[in-house]
PDB file of all heavy atoms in Angstrom:
ATOM      1  N   SER A   1      17.598 137.702 165.267  1.00  0.00           N
ATOM      2  CA  SER A   1      17.902 137.075 163.980  1.00  0.00           C
ATOM      3  C   SER A   1      18.758 135.828 164.166  1.00  0.00           C
ATOM      4  O   SER A   1      18.515 134.792 163.541  1.00  0.00           O
ATOM      5  CB  SER A   1      18.619 138.084 163.074  1.00  0.00           C
ATOM      6  OG  SER A   1      18.965 137.488 161.858  1.00  0.00           O
ATOM      7  N   GLU A   2      19.763 135.914 165.017  1.00  0.00           N
ATOM      8  CA  GLU A   2      20.611 134.757 165.285  1.00  0.00           C
ATOM      9  C   GLU A   2      19.828 133.617 165.915  1.00  0.00           C
ATOM     10  O   GLU A   2      20.000 132.456 165.545  1.00  0.00           O
ATOM     11  CB  GLU A   2      21.782 135.150 166.189  1.00  0.00           C
ATOM     12  CG  GLU A   2      22.842 135.969 165.504  1.00  0.00           C
ATOM     13  CD  GLU A   2      23.990 136.296 166.425  1.00  0.00           C
ATOM     14  OE1 GLU A   2      23.778 136.449 167.659  1.00  0.00           O
ATOM     15  OE2 GLU A   2      25.122 136.413 165.915  1.00  0.00           O
ATOM     16  N   LEU A   3      18.962 133.938 166.865  1.00  0.00           N
ATOM     17  CA  LEU A   3      18.139 132.915 167.517  1.00  0.00           C
ATOM     18  C   LEU A   3      17.209 132.256 166.513  1.00  0.00           C
ATOM     19  O   LEU A   3      17.064 131.030 166.481  1.00  0.00           O
ATOM     20  CB  LEU A   3      17.349 133.507 168.673  1.00  0.00           C
ATOM     21  CG  LEU A   3      16.426 132.540 169.420  1.00  0.00           C
ATOM     22  CD1 LEU A   3      17.205 131.369 170.002  1.00  0.00           C
ATOM     23  CD2 LEU A   3      15.655 133.279 170.497  1.00  0.00           C
ATOM     24  N   MET A   4      16.595 133.060 165.656  1.00  0.00           N
ATOM     25  CA  MET A   4      15.706 132.516 164.630  1.00  0.00           C
ATOM     26  C   MET A   4      16.471 131.583 163.693  1.00  0.00           C
ATOM     27  O   MET A   4      15.954 130.557 163.269  1.00  0.00           O
ATOM     28  CB  MET A   4      15.057 133.650 163.845  1.00  0.00           C
ATOM     29  CG  MET A   4      14.162 134.544 164.688  1.00  0.00           C
ATOM     30  SD  MET A   4      12.654 133.740 165.214  1.00  0.00           S
ATOM     31  CE  MET A   4      11.756 133.775 163.689  1.00  0.00           C
ATOM     32  N   GLN A   5      17.721 131.929 163.362  1.00  0.00           N
ATOM     33  CA  GLN A   5      18.538 131.087 162.485  1.00  0.00           C
ATOM     34  C   GLN A   5      18.850 129.749 163.155  1.00  0.00           C
ATOM     35  O   GLN A   5      18.793 128.700 162.518  1.00  0.00           O
ATOM     36  CB  GLN A   5      19.827 131.804 162.098  1.00  0.00           C
ATOM     37  CG  GLN A   5      20.641 131.038 161.071  1.00  0.00           C
ATOM     38  CD  GLN A   5      19.894 130.854 159.763  1.00  0.00           C
ATOM     39  OE1 GLN A   5      19.428 131.819 159.178  1.00  0.00           O
ATOM     40  NE2 GLN A   5      19.778 129.632 159.294  1.00  0.00           N
ATOM     41  N   VAL A   6      19.166 129.788 164.437  1.00  0.00           N
ATOM     42  CA  VAL A   6      19.449 128.552 165.170  1.00  0.00           C
ATOM     43  C   VAL A   6      18.216 127.652 165.192  1.00  0.00           C
ATOM     44  O   VAL A   6      18.310 126.440 164.955  1.00  0.00           O
ATOM     45  CB  VAL A   6      19.924 128.856 166.609  1.00  0.00           C
ATOM     46  CG1 VAL A   6      19.957 127.608 167.466  1.00  0.00           C
ATOM     47  CG2 VAL A   6      21.298 129.523 166.576  1.00  0.00           C
ATOM     48  N   ILE A   7      17.063 128.227 165.442  1.00  0.00           N
ATOM     49  CA  ILE A   7      15.818 127.442 165.459  1.00  0.00           C
ATOM     50  C   ILE A   7      15.527 126.895 164.071  1.00  0.00           C
ATOM     51  O   ILE A   7      15.169 125.711 163.918  1.00  0.00           O
ATOM     52  CB  ILE A   7      14.651 128.295 165.996  1.00  0.00           C
ATOM     53  CG1 ILE A   7      14.875 128.596 167.482  1.00  0.00           C
ATOM     54  CG2 ILE A   7      13.312 127.575 165.773  1.00  0.00           C
ATOM     55  CD1 ILE A   7      13.930 129.619 168.060  1.00  0.00           C
ATOM     56  N   SER A   8      15.716 127.707 163.045  1.00  0.00           N
ATOM     57  CA  SER A   8      15.507 127.267 161.670  1.00  0.00           C
ATOM     58  C   SER A   8      16.453 126.125 161.314  1.00  0.00           C
ATOM     59  O   SER A   8      16.039 125.125 160.706  1.00  0.00           O
ATOM     60  CB  SER A   8      15.712 128.446 160.722  1.00  0.00           C
ATOM     61  OG  SER A   8      15.567 128.042 159.389  1.00  0.00           O
ATOM     62  N   ASP A   9      17.722 126.255 161.692  1.00  0.00           N
ATOM     63  CA  ASP A   9      18.705 125.197 161.429  1.00  0.00           C
ATOM     64  C   ASP A   9      18.316 123.896 162.120  1.00  0.00           C
ATOM     65  O   ASP A   9      18.480 122.810 161.555  1.00  0.00           O
ATOM     66  CB  ASP A   9      20.096 125.627 161.883  1.00  0.00           C
ATOM     67  CG  ASP A   9      20.694 126.744 161.044  1.00  0.00           C
ATOM     68  OD1 ASP A   9      20.160 127.030 159.945  1.00  0.00           O
ATOM     69  OD2 ASP A   9      21.695 127.339 161.504  1.00  0.00           O
ATOM     70  N   TYR A  10      17.803 123.997 163.340  1.00  0.00           N
ATOM     71  CA  TYR A  10      17.374 122.813 164.081  1.00  0.00           C
ATOM     72  C   TYR A  10      16.277 122.063 163.318  1.00  0.00           C
ATOM     73  O   TYR A  10      16.357 120.849 163.124  1.00  0.00           O
ATOM     74  CB  TYR A  10      16.876 123.204 165.478  1.00  0.00           C
ATOM     75  CG  TYR A  10      16.199 122.058 166.189  1.00  0.00           C
ATOM     76  CD1 TYR A  10      16.956 121.075 166.822  1.00  0.00           C
ATOM     77  CD2 TYR A  10      14.811 121.939 166.203  1.00  0.00           C
ATOM     78  CE1 TYR A  10      16.342 120.004 167.452  1.00  0.00           C
ATOM     79  CE2 TYR A  10      14.193 120.876 166.831  1.00  0.00           C
ATOM     80  CZ  TYR A  10      14.965 119.907 167.454  1.00  0.00           C
ATOM     81  OH  TYR A  10      14.355 118.845 168.071  1.00  0.00           O
ATOM     82  N   PHE A  11      15.250 122.785 162.864  1.00  0.00           N
ATOM     83  CA  PHE A  11      14.150 122.123 162.169  1.00  0.00           C
ATOM     84  C   PHE A  11      14.575 121.603 160.796  1.00  0.00           C
ATOM     85  O   PHE A  11      14.086 120.561 160.336  1.00  0.00           O
ATOM     86  CB  PHE A  11      12.928 123.033 162.091  1.00  0.00           C
ATOM     87  CG  PHE A  11      12.197 123.112 163.397  1.00  0.00           C
ATOM     88  CD1 PHE A  11      12.224 124.278 164.148  1.00  0.00           C
ATOM     89  CD2 PHE A  11      11.506 122.019 163.890  1.00  0.00           C
ATOM     90  CE1 PHE A  11      11.558 124.354 165.373  1.00  0.00           C
ATOM     91  CE2 PHE A  11      10.838 122.079 165.112  1.00  0.00           C
ATOM     92  CZ  PHE A  11      10.867 123.242 165.856  1.00  0.00           C
ATOM     93  N   ALA A  12      15.504 122.292 160.141  1.00  0.00           N
ATOM     94  CA  ALA A  12      16.028 121.796 158.864  1.00  0.00           C
ATOM     95  C   ALA A  12      16.779 120.487 159.080  1.00  0.00           C
ATOM     96  O   ALA A  12      16.643 119.541 158.297  1.00  0.00           O
ATOM     97  CB  ALA A  12      16.938 122.841 158.231  1.00  0.00           C
ATOM     98  N   LYS A  13      17.550 120.406 160.159  1.00  0.00           N
ATOM     99  CA  LYS A  13      18.275 119.172 160.486  1.00  0.00           C
ATOM    100  C   LYS A  13      17.293 118.037 160.774  1.00  0.00           C
ATOM    101  O   LYS A  13      17.496 116.893 160.336  1.00  0.00           O
ATOM    102  CB  LYS A  13      19.187 119.408 161.688  1.00  0.00           C
ATOM    103  CG  LYS A  13      19.998 118.199 162.103  1.00  0.00           C
ATOM    104  CD  LYS A  13      20.922 118.538 163.272  1.00  0.00           C
ATOM    105  CE  LYS A  13      21.726 117.339 163.704  1.00  0.00           C
ATOM    106  NZ  LYS A  13      21.124 116.615 164.815  1.00  0.00           N
ATOM    107  N   GLN A  14      16.232 118.336 161.500  1.00  0.00           N
ATOM    108  CA  GLN A  14      15.223 117.313 161.794  1.00  0.00           C
ATOM    109  C   GLN A  14      14.580 116.803 160.507  1.00  0.00           C
ATOM    110  O   GLN A  14      14.358 115.600 160.348  1.00  0.00           O
ATOM    111  CB  GLN A  14      14.150 117.876 162.729  1.00  0.00           C
ATOM    112  CG  GLN A  14      14.646 118.261 164.101  1.00  0.00           C
ATOM    113  CD  GLN A  14      15.194 117.077 164.863  1.00  0.00           C
ATOM    114  OE1 GLN A  14      14.528 116.078 165.025  1.00  0.00           O
ATOM    115  NE2 GLN A  14      16.436 117.191 165.307  1.00  0.00           N
ATOM    116  N   ALA A  15      14.292 117.710 159.576  1.00  0.00           N
ATOM    117  CA  ALA A  15      13.694 117.312 158.301  1.00  0.00           C
ATOM    118  C   ALA A  15      14.662 116.453 157.498  1.00  0.00           C
ATOM    119  O   ALA A  15      14.261 115.431 156.921  1.00  0.00           O
ATOM    120  CB  ALA A  15      13.287 118.554 157.498  1.00  0.00           C
ATOM    121  N   ASP A  16      15.937 116.834 157.464  1.00  0.00           N
ATOM    122  CA  ASP A  16      16.943 116.044 156.756  1.00  0.00           C
ATOM    123  C   ASP A  16      17.042 114.631 157.327  1.00  0.00           C
ATOM    124  O   ASP A  16      17.123 113.654 156.579  1.00  0.00           O
ATOM    125  CB  ASP A  16      18.319 116.707 156.829  1.00  0.00           C
ATOM    126  CG  ASP A  16      18.472 117.887 155.900  1.00  0.00           C
ATOM    127  OD1 ASP A  16      17.655 118.020 154.960  1.00  0.00           O
ATOM    128  OD2 ASP A  16      19.423 118.671 156.106  1.00  0.00           O
ATOM    129  N   GLU A  17      17.032 114.532 158.646  1.00  0.00           N
ATOM    130  CA  GLU A  17      17.126 113.223 159.285  1.00  0.00           C
ATOM    131  C   GLU A  17      15.902 112.361 158.958  1.00  0.00           C
ATOM    132  O   GLU A  17      16.028 111.159 158.730  1.00  0.00           O
ATOM    133  CB  GLU A  17      17.289 113.373 160.799  1.00  0.00           C
ATOM    134  CG  GLU A  17      18.655 113.904 161.190  1.00  0.00           C
ATOM    135  CD  GLU A  17      18.787 114.201 162.670  1.00  0.00           C
ATOM    136  OE1 GLU A  17      17.802 113.989 163.434  1.00  0.00           O
ATOM    137  OE2 GLU A  17      19.871 114.661 163.079  1.00  0.00           O
ATOM    138  N   GLU A  18      14.733 112.960 158.904  1.00  0.00           N
ATOM    139  CA  GLU A  18      13.521 112.215 158.575  1.00  0.00           C
ATOM    140  C   GLU A  18      13.538 111.758 157.118  1.00  0.00           C
ATOM    141  O   GLU A  18      13.157 110.626 156.813  1.00  0.00           O
ATOM    142  CB  GLU A  18      12.277 113.047 158.861  1.00  0.00           C
ATOM    143  CG  GLU A  18      10.971 112.342 158.570  1.00  0.00           C
ATOM    144  CD  GLU A  18      10.721 111.104 159.435  1.00  0.00           C
ATOM    145  OE1 GLU A  18      11.438 110.880 160.429  1.00  0.00           O
ATOM    146  OE2 GLU A  18       9.799 110.336 159.091  1.00  0.00           O
ATOM    147  N   ILE A  19      14.003 112.619 156.228  1.00  0.00           N
ATOM    148  CA  ILE A  19      14.116 112.232 154.819  1.00  0.00           C
ATOM    149  C   ILE A  19      15.105 111.079 154.672  1.00  0.00           C
ATOM    150  O   ILE A  19      14.840 110.115 153.940  1.00  0.00           O
ATOM    151  CB  ILE A  19      14.527 113.441 153.951  1.00  0.00           C
ATOM    152  CG1 ILE A  19      13.361 114.418 153.859  1.00  0.00           C
ATOM    153  CG2 ILE A  19      14.990 112.999 152.562  1.00  0.00           C
ATOM    154  CD1 ILE A  19      13.709 115.746 153.233  1.00  0.00           C
ATOM    155  N   ASP A  20      16.235 111.151 155.380  1.00  0.00           N
ATOM    156  CA  ASP A  20      17.206 110.051 155.346  1.00  0.00           C
ATOM    157  C   ASP A  20      16.584 108.754 155.851  1.00  0.00           C
ATOM    158  O   ASP A  20      16.798 107.685 155.276  1.00  0.00           O
ATOM    159  CB  ASP A  20      18.441 110.392 156.183  1.00  0.00           C
ATOM    160  CG  ASP A  20      19.317 111.469 155.557  1.00  0.00           C
ATOM    161  OD1 ASP A  20      19.139 111.756 154.351  1.00  0.00           O
ATOM    162  OD2 ASP A  20      20.169 112.025 156.280  1.00  0.00           O
ATOM    163  N   ARG A  21      15.791 108.834 156.917  1.00  0.00           N
ATOM    164  CA  ARG A  21      15.145 107.642 157.467  1.00  0.00           C
ATOM    165  C   ARG A  21      14.159 107.052 156.463  1.00  0.00           C
ATOM    166  O   ARG A  21      14.125 105.836 156.250  1.00  0.00           O
ATOM    167  CB  ARG A  21      14.421 107.961 158.777  1.00  0.00           C
ATOM    168  CG  ARG A  21      13.824 106.723 159.462  1.00  0.00           C
ATOM    169  CD  ARG A  21      12.885 107.095 160.589  1.00  0.00           C
ATOM    170  NE  ARG A  21      11.677 107.750 160.121  1.00  0.00           N
ATOM    171  CZ  ARG A  21      10.652 107.119 159.546  1.00  0.00           C
ATOM    172  NH1 ARG A  21      10.680 105.827 159.322  1.00  0.00           N
ATOM    173  NH2 ARG A  21       9.580 107.802 159.177  1.00  0.00           N
ATOM    174  N   LEU A  22      13.364 107.906 155.824  1.00  0.00           N
ATOM    175  CA  LEU A  22      12.407 107.439 154.825  1.00  0.00           C
ATOM    176  C   LEU A  22      13.121 106.774 153.658  1.00  0.00           C
ATOM    177  O   LEU A  22      12.662 105.764 153.120  1.00  0.00           O
ATOM    178  CB  LEU A  22      11.544 108.601 154.328  1.00  0.00           C
ATOM    179  CG  LEU A  22      10.563 109.192 155.337  1.00  0.00           C
ATOM    180  CD1 LEU A  22       9.943 110.466 154.788  1.00  0.00           C
ATOM    181  CD2 LEU A  22       9.498 108.191 155.725  1.00  0.00           C
ATOM    182  N   TRP A  23      14.271 107.332 153.264  1.00  0.00           N
ATOM    183  CA  TRP A  23      15.041 106.773 152.166  1.00  0.00           C
ATOM    184  C   TRP A  23      15.602 105.400 152.566  1.00  0.00           C
ATOM    185  O   TRP A  23      15.505 104.436 151.809  1.00  0.00           O
ATOM    186  CB  TRP A  23      16.172 107.723 151.785  1.00  0.00           C
ATOM    187  CG  TRP A  23      16.739 107.437 150.426  1.00  0.00           C
ATOM    188  CD1 TRP A  23      17.725 106.548 150.133  1.00  0.00           C
ATOM    189  CD2 TRP A  23      16.346 108.016 149.187  1.00  0.00           C
ATOM    190  NE1 TRP A  23      17.973 106.549 148.788  1.00  0.00           N
ATOM    191  CE2 TRP A  23      17.150 107.446 148.175  1.00  0.00           C
ATOM    192  CE3 TRP A  23      15.410 108.981 148.831  1.00  0.00           C
ATOM    193  CZ2 TRP A  23      17.028 107.796 146.846  1.00  0.00           C
ATOM    194  CZ3 TRP A  23      15.302 109.331 147.501  1.00  0.00           C
ATOM    195  CH2 TRP A  23      16.106 108.737 146.532  1.00  0.00           C
ATOM    196  N   GLU A  24      16.167 105.321 153.768  1.00  0.00           N
ATOM    197  CA  GLU A  24      16.744 104.064 154.253  1.00  0.00           C
ATOM    198  C   GLU A  24      15.682 102.981 154.415  1.00  0.00           C
ATOM    199  O   GLU A  24      15.954 101.801 154.175  1.00  0.00           O
ATOM    200  CB  GLU A  24      17.472 104.290 155.576  1.00  0.00           C
ATOM    201  CG  GLU A  24      18.759 105.075 155.421  1.00  0.00           C
ATOM    202  CD  GLU A  24      19.346 105.512 156.744  1.00  0.00           C
ATOM    203  OE1 GLU A  24      18.840 105.088 157.811  1.00  0.00           O
ATOM    204  OE2 GLU A  24      20.323 106.294 156.722  1.00  0.00           O
ATOM    205  N   ASP A  25      14.477 103.371 154.808  1.00  0.00           N
ATOM    206  CA  ASP A  25      13.389 102.407 154.989  1.00  0.00           C
ATOM    207  C   ASP A  25      12.703 102.037 153.680  1.00  0.00           C
ATOM    208  O   ASP A  25      11.806 101.205 153.665  1.00  0.00           O
ATOM    209  CB  ASP A  25      12.334 102.955 155.966  1.00  0.00           C
ATOM    210  CG  ASP A  25      12.864 103.053 157.390  1.00  0.00           C
ATOM    211  OD1 ASP A  25      13.943 102.492 157.677  1.00  0.00           O
ATOM    212  OD2 ASP A  25      12.194 103.697 158.226  1.00  0.00           O
TER     213      ASP A  25
END
């Protein structure tokens, strides 16, 4: 469960960064 949460958090962070990039562009 902890490992799955870490992986989930990683992909959520990647999505947030991409949304920020799209907004900035």
